Structures are given as C-alpha cells and as structure tokens.
Amino acid sequence: MEGGVERGRGAGVGRRALGGGPGRRGESPECWAEAKLGLQEEPPPLSRLSPPPPVPPLPKPRKAVQVSSTAFAFPSRCPLQTPRAALSPRPAPTMATLRVHPEAQAKVDVFRKDLCSKEKAFDYDPILLHHLIQTENLLGSYFPKKIAELDAFLKEPDLNEANLSSLKAPLDIPIPDPVKEKEKEERKKQQEKEEKDEKKKGEDEEKGPPCGPVNCNEKIVVLLQGLKPEIKDVTEQLNLVTTWLQLQIPRIEDGNNFGVAVQEKVFELMTSLHTKVEGFHTQISKYFSERGDAVAKAAKQPHVGDYRQLVHELDEAEYQDIRLMVMEIRNAYAVLYDIILKNFEKLKKPRGETKGMIY
C-alpha cells in the first residue's frame, strides 16, 4: 500500500514536470499537494558536511646570517666592489634651510621697522629721506603737499607766457660786411703764404669767435633751477616707495596670490614712472648740447639767418618741455597716491591677516 502511494506521487511529479496539473484522470487535489511538498528536499545534516581543508602552517623565520667582510672580498681593481660607506643607510632628505646670523637678522629687522613704522617723526631733509620718511606719512602728508606745490608752480606767470617770442635771448654775434670780408680773406691768404701751415692751424684752434662769449638764456636757466630739485625729490620718493613695496611681498606659495598680483601691478607702474623721471635729466642735457651747437654754427657763419633762428626755436621748445615736466611730476605724485590709497590693504597684507608675513 505504501509502495503504491510512492509510485503515485512519483507519477504525479513526472506529469507535473511534463506540463500536467491537477484535474487529470486518476489524480486528486490531495495527491497533487503531497507531490508538490515532496519536491522540497531537506538540507543534509551537519554531520554529513565535509570538514574545511587544513590551513598550511606559516614558514619559520630564517635566522640572520652574519657574513664577514672577507668572505666575499673582491680584488682591488674590480669595478663591482662597493665601499662600506655606500652600504650604510642614507639619512632621510631634509628641506633646504638658509642660516642667517642673529646679528644680521637683527639689523634687517631694525631697518624694516624703521622704514615701515608709524611712530617716527616726519623729516623733510632730502639727505635722510630714505631712512626717516615712512610710506604712511608720505601718503598722509607729503604727497598731497607736493601736489599742491607743483600745481601752484604751474600757475606762476613764468610758466604761463602767452607770447613765446619774449623768451628770445640776445645773440651778440655781429653780421659781417661783405666788402670787409673780401679784404679780410685776401689778407688771410697772404699770411698763409708767409707762415707755416702747422702754426696757422694751431692759432686758429686757439682763437675764439669774433663776437666774444655768448651767454645762455637766463629765463630758461632760472626755470631749470626750480625744476631740478623737484626731479630729485620725486626720484627719491619713488625709490623709497618701491623699497617699501618690495618688503611687503610675502613668501612664494601656491595659491592665494591675488594680493601679490596687485603688488606686481603697482610695482610695474612705479617702474614706468621712475623711467620717465630719469629721462628728464637726459632731456635737459640734450637741450644745452643742441643749443651750443647752434650757437657755434651761428658764430662760424653769421651771415646765415637760419642758425640764429634755430637758437630761438630751441629756447621756445625747452620752455614748453619744462612746463610739461612739471605737469608730469605732479601727475606722478597724484597717480601714485591714488593707486596706493585704493589698494593699501592688499599692498600691506596681500594674503590677509593670517598670512600677512614679511619675508
């Protein structure tokens, strides 16, 4: 009876696998449920499971073998031989550092504090300008004062001549008479025949112009005497501010360099102003050189009126250049004052409060 039930279950399972189901002939719903439950196999007991493979033992550490230096000695000429110093462990690499003597560092700190402090009194002596004038005092009092002084200098009547012909300096170069010149040339030819050529050339070089000495244009000289101290002052002030700005540049790092870029832009501006001011001295020297050549030509050839007019034209051109130089110096003070005042925080502390160190 039990065997029949088992065969029935097996037959039902086979028909289920082939696509059969309940409701066929010779089967009942109860038999179908029993056959369905028989498909779920029970897991094998733990006793039948195979044990895990054994873990291999760890290898024993080898003993350190001391090898004598003579065991593997190479001949003296062998290129593979390495000295004992090369086999010794090398020290870890360290960052390169610059050692500064304490006395030298103290002197540098004193100079930096002397230049950048706000406690020292302001001094107008140009000899002590580099050491006693601080940049904060320059921005607070000196620059505005110089701007006002130069603006008043530009309004003086000496620099506002409406008629430039009044600047002409008298040239005491007489115009020779043509008849007398011919007689003079004949006498000169007779003297050249009598005397030697070498002595004649030496005497001609020592002789001066027939009109005597020719003086400079006094009006131009007076204006230049008032301009030269201003050129000297602005040159020293630019040098002082440039030194102060270079001392504010922080250590080179990666990132947070916007303030450093502002410092570089201001430094470029001061460099261009310094170059322009240095050209004023060359311009003044060039004027005297060109005027001297024109006067010499006018004295050598007094009958040529163009050389005389050239001297007057050079005086008028120099007068206009003097006025432009005064305006350039005033504008240099104004531009430098404006750009430093607008970017003072970035110039003094380019990386903020935490990294505002001076190196």
Foldseek 3Di string as FASTA:
>chain_A
DVVVLVVLLVVLVVCVVVPDDPPDPPDDPVSNVVSVVVVDDDDDDPVPDDDDDDDDDDDDDDDDDDDDPVVDDDDPPDPPDDDPVVVDDDDDDDDDDDDDDPVVVVVVVVQLCQAAPDPADDDPPPVCLLRHHHPVVCLVPVLVVLLVVLVVVCVDVLLVDPDLVVQDDDWQADDDDPVVVVVVVVVVVVVPVVDDPVVVVVVVVPDDFPRDDGDDRVSLVVLVVVQVVLLSVLLSVLVNVLVNLLQQQADDDPDLCPLVVLSVVLNVVSVVLNVVSVVVVVVVVVLVVVLVVLSVVCRVNVVDCVSVVVNSVSSSVSSVVSSVSSVSSSVSSVVNSVSCVVCVVSSQQVRPDVRRDGD
